[in-house]
Amino acid sequence: MALIQTLKGFRDFLPPDAKKRQYVIDTFKAVFENNGFEPLETPALEYEELLAGKYGDEGDRLMYRFTDLGQRNVAMRYDQTVPLARIVSQYQNVLPLPFKRYQVQPVWRAENTQRGRYREFIQCDIDTVGVDSSLADADLIATIIQAYQALGFENFKVLVNDRETFGDLSIDAITVIDKLKKIGKEKVYEELIAKKIVETLEEAQTLLQSLLEKTPTERLQTMIQELENLGIDTALLEFSPTLARGLDYYTGVIIEIESPDYPYGSLGGGGRYDNLIGMFAGKQIPAVGFAFGFDRTMEAIEALQLFPAELALSTTQVLVTIFSEEFKKISFETLNKLREKNISAEMYLGEIKEKNPLEKQLKYADQKMIPLVVILGSKETEQNLITVKDMSSGEQQTISLEEFLATLLEA
């Protein structure tokens, strides 16, 4: 007998969780599209040579790749930035620049699974490609802020920095300094010395202190002014001169979202990366982007109880019962009239008992958390009425179908 369980690192999402995920995706998409970002989808599989070598040694190790039935070497989507680079190169003659896109799709990595790390997970990215301006940076950050506000977040900060802040510091030095919040000053000093970036404790202290005393660059100041012009509360921004996000490809603004109410890491991050998108086009193509930490955002919404209460209910608003074979036709007619008005309705599909015909149907509505049940028996049919049972309160009222429809459409 086959083993009945999911593969390690992969997950099922039953309706209650799937609805929450869809709610977050729909909320994000609405904000993205309101701000001019358009949807993009790319295949799950790319040619292996397209992805290999683009993510460093770790990426090559964690990438799912295989030879397909046509003997082609292929790899599963590892992130959404390299496919975006391919898109921009492949369709550069038809894409309007700047190209503002969002992409919400799964990616696959052969991770060593642990809490918060999965082998299949959703990535949610927004990017603006083809223009190098502080206004594009500001537009992106405004969209990020509005997306989290739309989900109900109130207590969060957008940490910003500029690659220029680091001056001539080496990548090794920046990588160590980026750990400041996680490991503290003393450990940063130790690493700077251990990696021979500096020789003495005094030099390490001077290096870090000089960075902490930096003020926002001219570009960041311009960006902040443009955010004000866009109606964004700039009190949500915090200049963080040590922020590097541990990556060496940022060329300008660096962005990270965090919330004191969710102390388990950032909710997302990104920045300007002017040297990456043009890797296939043979020329520099400026870009700025942000990756929303989808799973962490889901965890934070759950922890802060920001999901709307109605998500717990069934997507079905009304269950139309069948009292007996004699009244099945009127049940069908009622169901159709509800659906014609775009009211989500279903009919009980199981066997109807002659004795206590409503018992199983009411139990089904209760289990599925369908809020309203329509009962059509002999009394209702004779009077051309329906009985509506509110499953949360248990209250019943007998009214006309027209009154019921009007009530639902007004709600």
Protein backbone atom coordinates (compact mmCIF):
# COMPACT_ATOMS: atom_id res chain seq x y z
CA MET A 1 0.00 0.00 0.00
CA ALA A 2 1.33 3.45 -0.92
CA LEU A 3 2.55 5.70 1.88
CA ILE A 4 -0.21 8.28 2.43
CA GLN A 5 1.64 11.47 3.36
CA THR A 6 3.23 14.51 1.76
CA LEU A 7 6.85 14.59 0.69
CA LYS A 8 9.22 16.06 3.27
CA GLY A 9 9.35 19.84 2.89
CA PHE A 10 6.06 20.02 0.98
CA ARG A 11 2.68 21.00 2.41
CA ASP A 12 -1.04 20.53 1.90
CA PHE A 13 -3.35 23.47 2.57
CA LEU A 14 -6.87 22.43 3.53
CA PRO A 15 -9.70 24.92 2.83
CA PRO A 16 -9.35 27.01 6.06
CA ASP A 17 -5.65 27.65 5.41
CA ALA A 18 -6.02 27.88 1.62
CA LYS A 19 -8.61 30.64 2.05
CA LYS A 20 -6.26 32.61 4.29
CA ARG A 21 -3.46 32.29 1.76
CA GLN A 22 -5.76 33.36 -1.05
CA TYR A 23 -6.92 36.35 1.02
CA VAL A 24 -3.33 37.55 1.44
CA ILE A 25 -2.54 37.01 -2.25
CA ASP A 26 -5.72 38.82 -3.33
CA THR A 27 -4.96 41.73 -0.97
CA PHE A 28 -1.42 42.05 -2.29
CA LYS A 29 -2.56 41.82 -5.92
CA ALA A 30 -5.20 44.53 -5.42
CA VAL A 31 -2.58 46.94 -4.04
CA PHE A 32 -0.01 46.04 -6.70
CA GLU A 33 -2.44 46.59 -9.55
CA ASN A 34 -3.76 49.80 -7.98
CA ASN A 35 -0.18 51.09 -8.13
CA GLY A 36 0.42 50.09 -11.75
CA PHE A 37 2.20 46.75 -11.32
CA GLU A 38 1.06 44.09 -13.77
CA PRO A 39 0.98 40.31 -13.33
CA LEU A 40 3.69 38.08 -14.75
CA GLU A 41 3.88 34.29 -14.74
CA THR A 42 6.82 32.15 -15.84
CA PRO A 43 7.12 28.35 -16.27
CA ALA A 44 7.97 26.03 -13.39
CA LEU A 45 10.78 24.63 -15.56
CA GLU A 46 13.62 26.52 -17.24
CA TYR A 47 16.67 25.26 -19.10
CA GLU A 48 19.23 24.29 -16.48
CA GLU A 49 21.93 26.46 -18.06
CA LEU A 50 19.69 29.50 -17.59
CA LEU A 51 19.57 29.04 -13.79
CA ALA A 52 22.83 27.25 -13.00
CA GLY A 53 25.61 29.47 -11.69
CA LYS A 54 23.30 32.41 -10.99
CA TYR A 55 22.82 31.76 -7.26
CA GLY A 56 26.29 30.78 -6.08
CA ASP A 57 27.38 27.41 -4.71
CA GLU A 58 24.41 27.07 -2.37
CA GLY A 59 21.92 27.72 -5.16
CA ASP A 60 23.53 25.14 -7.41
CA ARG A 61 23.42 22.64 -4.56
CA LEU A 62 19.77 23.25 -3.65
CA MET A 63 18.36 23.51 -7.16
CA TYR A 64 16.00 20.77 -8.34
CA ARG A 65 17.27 19.66 -11.78
CA PHE A 66 16.86 16.65 -14.00
CA THR A 67 16.86 15.39 -17.56
CA ASP A 68 13.37 15.37 -19.08
CA LEU A 69 11.92 12.84 -21.52
CA GLY A 70 13.30 14.84 -24.43
CA GLN A 71 16.80 14.52 -22.93
CA ARG A 72 16.88 18.24 -22.11
CA ASN A 73 18.61 19.39 -18.93
CA VAL A 74 16.02 21.37 -17.01
CA ALA A 75 15.70 22.93 -13.55
CA MET A 76 12.73 23.99 -11.43
CA ARG A 77 12.20 27.66 -10.70
CA TYR A 78 14.56 28.61 -7.84
CA ASP A 79 13.52 32.24 -7.55
CA GLN A 80 11.71 34.81 -9.70
CA THR A 81 14.52 37.27 -10.42
CA VAL A 82 16.46 35.18 -12.96
CA PRO A 83 13.25 34.30 -14.87
CA LEU A 84 12.44 38.03 -14.82
CA ALA A 85 15.86 38.75 -16.31
CA ARG A 86 15.12 36.23 -19.08
CA ILE A 87 11.72 37.82 -19.74
CA VAL A 88 13.19 41.32 -20.03
CA SER A 89 15.89 40.08 -22.41
CA GLN A 90 13.61 37.87 -24.49
CA TYR A 91 10.82 40.43 -24.87
CA GLN A 92 12.80 43.66 -24.66
CA ASN A 93 11.35 44.89 -27.96
CA VAL A 94 7.73 44.59 -26.81
CA LEU A 95 7.87 45.43 -23.09
CA PRO A 96 7.18 49.06 -22.19
CA LEU A 97 9.92 50.52 -20.00
CA PRO A 98 9.78 51.04 -17.13
CA PHE A 99 8.32 47.55 -16.77
CA LYS A 100 6.44 47.20 -13.48
CA ARG A 101 5.56 43.62 -12.67
CA TYR A 102 4.42 41.47 -9.79
CA GLN A 103 4.74 37.70 -9.61
CA VAL A 104 3.19 35.32 -7.08
CA GLN A 105 4.24 31.74 -7.80
CA PRO A 106 5.84 28.75 -6.06
CA VAL A 107 9.59 28.11 -6.14
CA TRP A 108 11.44 24.92 -5.28
CA ARG A 109 14.62 24.39 -3.28
CA ALA A 110 16.04 21.16 -1.86
CA GLU A 111 16.39 22.72 1.60
CA ASN A 112 17.35 20.91 4.76
CA THR A 113 13.85 21.28 6.19
CA GLN A 114 13.28 22.95 9.54
CA ARG A 115 10.83 25.42 11.06
CA GLY A 116 10.02 28.02 8.43
CA ARG A 117 12.06 26.33 5.69
CA TYR A 118 10.24 24.35 3.02
CA ARG A 119 11.13 22.79 -0.31
CA GLU A 120 8.16 24.35 -2.04
CA PHE A 121 6.98 27.81 -1.07
CA ILE A 122 5.35 30.90 -2.50
CA GLN A 123 7.44 33.87 -3.54
CA CYS A 124 5.71 37.22 -3.93
CA ASP A 125 7.81 39.84 -5.73
CA ILE A 126 7.34 43.29 -7.19
CA ASP A 127 9.96 44.89 -9.46
CA THR A 128 10.38 47.99 -11.58
CA VAL A 129 12.79 47.41 -14.45
CA GLY A 130 14.35 49.85 -16.90
CA VAL A 131 14.68 53.07 -14.93
CA ASP A 132 17.23 54.28 -12.38
CA SER A 133 15.52 56.97 -10.34
CA SER A 134 14.77 57.70 -6.71
CA LEU A 135 11.12 58.10 -7.76
CA ALA A 136 11.03 54.43 -8.83
CA ASP A 137 12.51 53.50 -5.43
CA ALA A 138 9.89 55.64 -3.67
CA ASP A 139 7.04 54.20 -5.75
CA LEU A 140 8.13 50.67 -4.82
CA ILE A 141 8.36 51.48 -1.09
CA ALA A 142 4.96 53.22 -1.17
CA THR A 143 3.47 50.05 -2.66
CA ILE A 144 5.09 47.89 0.02
CA ILE A 145 3.75 50.10 2.82
CA GLN A 146 0.25 50.18 1.35
CA ALA A 147 0.27 46.38 0.95
CA TYR A 148 1.03 45.78 4.64
CA GLN A 149 -1.46 48.45 5.71
CA ALA A 150 -4.13 46.77 3.57
CA LEU A 151 -3.52 43.57 5.55
CA GLY A 152 -4.08 45.47 8.81
CA PHE A 153 -0.49 45.95 9.97
CA GLU A 154 -0.04 49.10 12.05
CA ASN A 155 3.19 48.62 13.97
CA PHE A 156 5.93 48.10 11.40
CA LYS A 157 9.04 49.85 10.09
CA VAL A 158 10.61 50.10 6.65
CA LEU A 159 14.36 49.99 7.21
CA VAL A 160 16.27 51.70 4.39
CA ASN A 161 19.91 52.11 3.50
CA ASP A 162 21.96 52.94 0.43
CA ARG A 163 24.89 50.90 -0.84
CA GLU A 164 26.76 54.20 -1.07
CA THR A 165 26.70 54.38 2.76
CA PHE A 166 29.30 51.60 2.91
CA GLY A 167 31.78 53.52 0.76
CA ASP A 168 34.83 51.42 -0.02
CA LEU A 169 34.15 48.69 2.56
CA SER A 170 34.76 45.17 1.29
CA ILE A 171 31.96 42.65 0.78
CA ASP A 172 33.39 40.64 3.69
CA ALA A 173 33.20 43.66 6.00
CA ILE A 174 29.65 44.51 4.89
CA THR A 175 28.52 40.92 5.43
CA VAL A 176 29.83 40.94 9.01
CA ILE A 177 28.36 44.36 9.84
CA ASP A 178 24.98 43.29 8.46
CA LYS A 179 24.78 40.80 11.36
CA LEU A 180 24.81 43.57 14.00
CA LYS A 181 21.19 43.17 15.08
CA LYS A 182 21.49 39.40 15.33
CA ILE A 183 24.81 39.02 17.12
CA GLY A 184 25.54 42.40 18.75
CA LYS A 185 28.54 44.70 18.66
CA GLU A 186 31.00 42.47 20.52
CA LYS A 187 30.52 39.55 18.13
CA VAL A 188 30.83 41.89 15.15
CA TYR A 189 34.16 43.13 16.51
CA GLU A 190 35.33 39.54 16.98
CA GLU A 191 34.37 38.55 13.41
CA LEU A 192 35.98 41.63 11.88
CA ILE A 193 39.23 40.71 13.61
CA ALA A 194 38.95 36.95 12.96
CA LYS A 195 38.43 37.57 9.23
CA LYS A 196 41.42 39.96 9.24
CA ILE A 197 39.27 42.84 8.03
CA VAL A 198 40.86 44.86 10.85
CA GLU A 199 43.72 43.99 13.15
CA THR A 200 42.69 45.39 16.54
CA LEU A 201 39.57 45.86 18.68
CA GLU A 202 40.03 49.61 18.49
CA GLU A 203 40.01 49.52 14.70
CA ALA A 204 36.86 47.37 14.72
CA GLN A 205 35.13 49.81 17.09
CA THR A 206 36.16 52.79 14.97
CA LEU A 207 34.97 51.14 11.76
CA LEU A 208 31.53 50.28 13.16
CA GLN A 209 31.07 53.61 14.94
CA SER A 210 31.94 55.59 11.82
CA LEU A 211 29.22 53.67 9.97
CA LEU A 212 26.62 54.15 12.72
CA GLU A 213 27.21 57.93 12.61
CA LYS A 214 26.43 58.15 8.90
CA THR A 215 23.37 60.12 7.76
CA PRO A 216 21.07 59.29 4.82
CA THR A 217 22.68 59.78 1.42
CA GLU A 218 21.45 62.47 -0.92
CA ARG A 219 19.58 59.86 -2.96
CA LEU A 220 17.79 58.54 0.14
CA GLN A 221 16.84 62.08 1.16
CA THR A 222 15.36 62.69 -2.29
CA MET A 223 13.51 59.37 -2.10
CA ILE A 224 12.04 60.25 1.31
CA GLN A 225 10.82 63.59 -0.06
CA GLU A 226 9.16 61.79 -2.95
CA LEU A 227 7.47 59.39 -0.53
CA GLU A 228 6.01 62.41 1.25
CA ASN A 229 4.74 63.68 -2.10
CA LEU A 230 3.09 60.28 -2.59
CA GLY A 231 1.22 60.73 0.69
CA ILE A 232 3.25 58.19 2.67
CA ASP A 233 3.88 58.72 6.39
CA THR A 234 7.68 58.85 6.41
CA ALA A 235 7.66 58.17 10.15
CA LEU A 236 7.35 54.55 8.99
CA LEU A 237 10.88 54.78 7.54
CA GLU A 238 14.03 54.20 9.56
CA PHE A 239 17.53 54.82 8.23
CA SER A 240 19.65 51.78 9.08
CA PRO A 241 23.28 52.42 8.03
CA THR A 242 24.36 48.81 8.73
CA LEU A 243 21.58 47.19 6.67
CA ALA A 244 23.02 45.16 3.79
CA ARG A 245 20.74 42.07 3.77
CA GLY A 246 23.80 39.88 3.44
CA LEU A 247 23.82 40.11 -0.36
CA ASP A 248 26.44 41.69 -2.57
CA TYR A 249 24.38 42.60 -5.63
CA TYR A 250 22.58 45.69 -4.33
CA THR A 251 23.75 48.84 -6.08
CA GLY A 252 21.59 51.48 -4.40
CA VAL A 253 18.69 51.54 -1.97
CA ILE A 254 18.36 48.53 0.37
CA ILE A 255 14.98 47.79 1.97
CA GLU A 256 13.72 45.57 4.78
CA ILE A 257 10.38 45.36 6.60
CA GLU A 258 10.15 44.42 10.26
CA SER A 259 7.53 44.60 12.99
CA PRO A 260 8.13 44.66 16.75
CA ASP A 261 4.96 42.60 17.03
CA TYR A 262 6.63 39.79 15.05
CA PRO A 263 10.10 39.26 16.54
CA TYR A 264 11.05 36.30 14.32
CA GLY A 265 12.85 38.12 11.53
CA SER A 266 12.03 40.48 8.70
CA LEU A 267 8.77 40.24 6.76
CA GLY A 268 10.51 40.91 3.47
CA GLY A 269 13.35 42.69 1.79
CA GLY A 270 14.83 43.99 -1.42
CA GLY A 271 16.55 46.91 -3.04
CA ARG A 272 18.09 48.30 -6.21
CA TYR A 273 20.09 45.86 -8.31
CA ASP A 274 21.17 47.56 -11.53
CA ASN A 275 23.67 44.91 -12.63
CA LEU A 276 21.58 41.74 -12.52
CA ILE A 277 18.61 42.02 -14.90
CA GLY A 278 20.80 42.84 -17.89
CA MET A 279 22.84 39.64 -17.55
CA PHE A 280 21.09 38.11 -20.59
CA ALA A 281 20.71 41.28 -22.64
CA GLY A 282 24.41 42.11 -22.73
CA LYS A 283 23.80 45.59 -21.37
CA GLN A 284 23.03 47.19 -18.03
CA ILE A 285 19.31 47.39 -17.24
CA PRO A 286 18.49 49.15 -13.95
CA ALA A 287 15.97 47.52 -11.60
CA VAL A 288 14.58 47.81 -8.10
CA GLY A 289 12.54 45.10 -6.41
CA PHE A 290 11.13 43.66 -3.23
CA ALA A 291 10.34 40.10 -2.11
CA PHE A 292 7.53 39.73 0.41
CA GLY A 293 8.21 36.95 2.90
CA PHE A 294 4.92 35.17 2.24
CA ASP A 295 5.11 32.49 4.95
CA ARG A 296 6.40 34.92 7.58
CA THR A 297 3.70 37.41 6.66
CA MET A 298 1.10 34.65 7.05
CA GLU A 299 2.53 33.76 10.48
CA ALA A 300 2.50 37.40 11.56
CA ILE A 301 -1.12 37.93 10.43
CA GLU A 302 -2.12 34.81 12.36
CA ALA A 303 -0.21 35.88 15.49
CA LEU A 304 -1.69 39.39 15.38
CA GLN A 305 -5.20 38.04 14.63
CA LEU A 306 -5.54 40.20 11.51
CA PHE A 307 -7.43 37.67 9.39
CA PRO A 308 -11.08 38.73 8.85
CA ALA A 309 -13.47 36.62 10.92
CA GLU A 310 -15.55 35.77 7.85
CA LEU A 311 -12.68 33.71 6.44
CA ALA A 312 -13.62 31.04 8.97
CA LEU A 313 -16.99 30.69 7.25
CA SER A 314 -17.62 28.56 4.20
CA THR A 315 -17.33 30.16 0.80
CA THR A 316 -20.93 28.94 0.45
CA GLN A 317 -23.40 31.52 1.80
CA VAL A 318 -26.54 29.40 1.58
CA LEU A 319 -27.35 25.70 1.72
CA VAL A 320 -30.65 24.86 0.02
CA THR A 321 -32.09 21.72 1.59
CA ILE A 322 -34.18 19.01 -0.03
CA PHE A 323 -37.13 18.07 2.15
CA SER A 324 -38.18 15.09 0.02
CA GLU A 325 -38.36 13.88 -3.58
CA GLU A 326 -41.71 15.67 -3.82
CA PHE A 327 -40.09 19.07 -3.16
CA LYS A 328 -36.80 18.54 -5.00
CA LYS A 329 -37.88 20.60 -8.02
CA ILE A 330 -38.67 23.70 -5.92
CA SER A 331 -35.29 23.31 -4.21
CA PHE A 332 -33.58 23.28 -7.62
CA GLU A 333 -35.48 26.41 -8.69
CA THR A 334 -34.55 28.23 -5.48
CA LEU A 335 -30.89 27.25 -5.85
CA ASN A 336 -30.79 28.53 -9.43
CA LYS A 337 -32.36 31.87 -8.48
CA LEU A 338 -29.73 32.37 -5.76
CA ARG A 339 -26.89 31.58 -8.15
CA GLU A 340 -28.36 33.87 -10.84
CA LYS A 341 -27.91 36.72 -8.34
CA ASN A 342 -24.27 35.67 -7.76
CA ILE A 343 -25.06 34.39 -4.28
CA SER A 344 -22.85 31.42 -3.46
CA ALA A 345 -25.23 28.54 -2.85
CA GLU A 346 -25.18 24.78 -2.89
CA MET A 347 -27.58 21.89 -2.43
CA TYR A 348 -27.02 18.92 -0.17
CA LEU A 349 -25.85 16.07 -2.42
CA GLY A 350 -26.11 13.17 -0.03
CA GLU A 351 -28.91 10.71 0.62
CA ILE A 352 -32.07 12.22 2.11
CA LYS A 353 -33.69 10.28 4.94
CA GLU A 354 -37.45 9.91 4.96
CA LYS A 355 -37.40 10.31 8.72
CA ASN A 356 -35.69 13.50 9.95
CA PRO A 357 -34.73 14.59 6.40
CA LEU A 358 -33.04 17.78 7.64
CA GLU A 359 -30.81 16.16 10.26
CA LYS A 360 -27.85 15.32 7.98
CA GLN A 361 -28.27 18.50 5.98
CA LEU A 362 -28.12 20.79 9.01
CA LYS A 363 -25.14 18.84 10.33
CA TYR A 364 -23.39 19.30 6.99
CA ALA A 365 -24.05 23.05 7.05
CA ASP A 366 -22.73 23.23 10.61
CA GLN A 367 -19.56 21.27 9.80
CA LYS A 368 -18.85 23.37 6.73
CA MET A 369 -19.77 26.60 8.59
CA ILE A 370 -22.38 27.62 6.01
CA PRO A 371 -24.13 30.56 7.70
CA LEU A 372 -27.65 30.21 6.23
CA VAL A 373 -29.89 27.26 5.42
CA VAL A 374 -33.04 27.44 3.29
CA ILE A 375 -35.77 24.93 4.20
CA LEU A 376 -38.53 24.15 1.73
CA GLY A 377 -41.21 21.84 3.10
CA SER A 378 -44.91 21.42 2.45
CA LYS A 379 -45.94 24.47 4.50
CA GLU A 380 -43.44 26.76 2.77
CA THR A 381 -44.31 25.46 -0.71
CA GLU A 382 -48.07 25.95 -0.16
CA GLN A 383 -47.52 29.56 0.94
CA ASN A 384 -44.81 30.29 -1.69
CA LEU A 385 -42.34 31.12 1.09
CA ILE A 386 -39.04 29.81 2.40
CA THR A 387 -37.78 29.23 5.94
CA VAL A 388 -34.29 30.59 6.56
CA LYS A 389 -32.27 29.23 9.47
CA ASP A 390 -29.33 31.26 10.81
CA MET A 391 -26.80 28.59 11.82
CA SER A 392 -24.91 30.79 14.28
CA SER A 393 -27.92 31.96 16.30
CA GLY A 394 -30.31 29.11 15.54
CA GLU A 395 -33.06 31.62 14.72
CA GLN A 396 -35.52 30.91 11.91
CA GLN A 397 -37.79 33.15 9.88
CA THR A 398 -40.27 32.38 7.15
CA ILE A 399 -40.19 34.96 4.35
CA SER A 400 -40.53 35.22 0.60
CA LEU A 401 -37.57 34.35 -1.60
CA GLU A 402 -37.63 37.93 -2.95
CA GLU A 403 -37.22 39.35 0.58
CA PHE A 404 -34.38 36.92 1.27
CA LEU A 405 -32.61 37.86 -1.97
CA ALA A 406 -32.99 41.57 -1.21
CA THR A 407 -31.50 41.08 2.27
CA LEU A 408 -28.51 39.18 0.91
CA LEU A 409 -27.86 41.67 -1.88
CA GLU A 410 -27.94 44.60 0.55
CA ALA A 411 -25.48 42.95 2.93
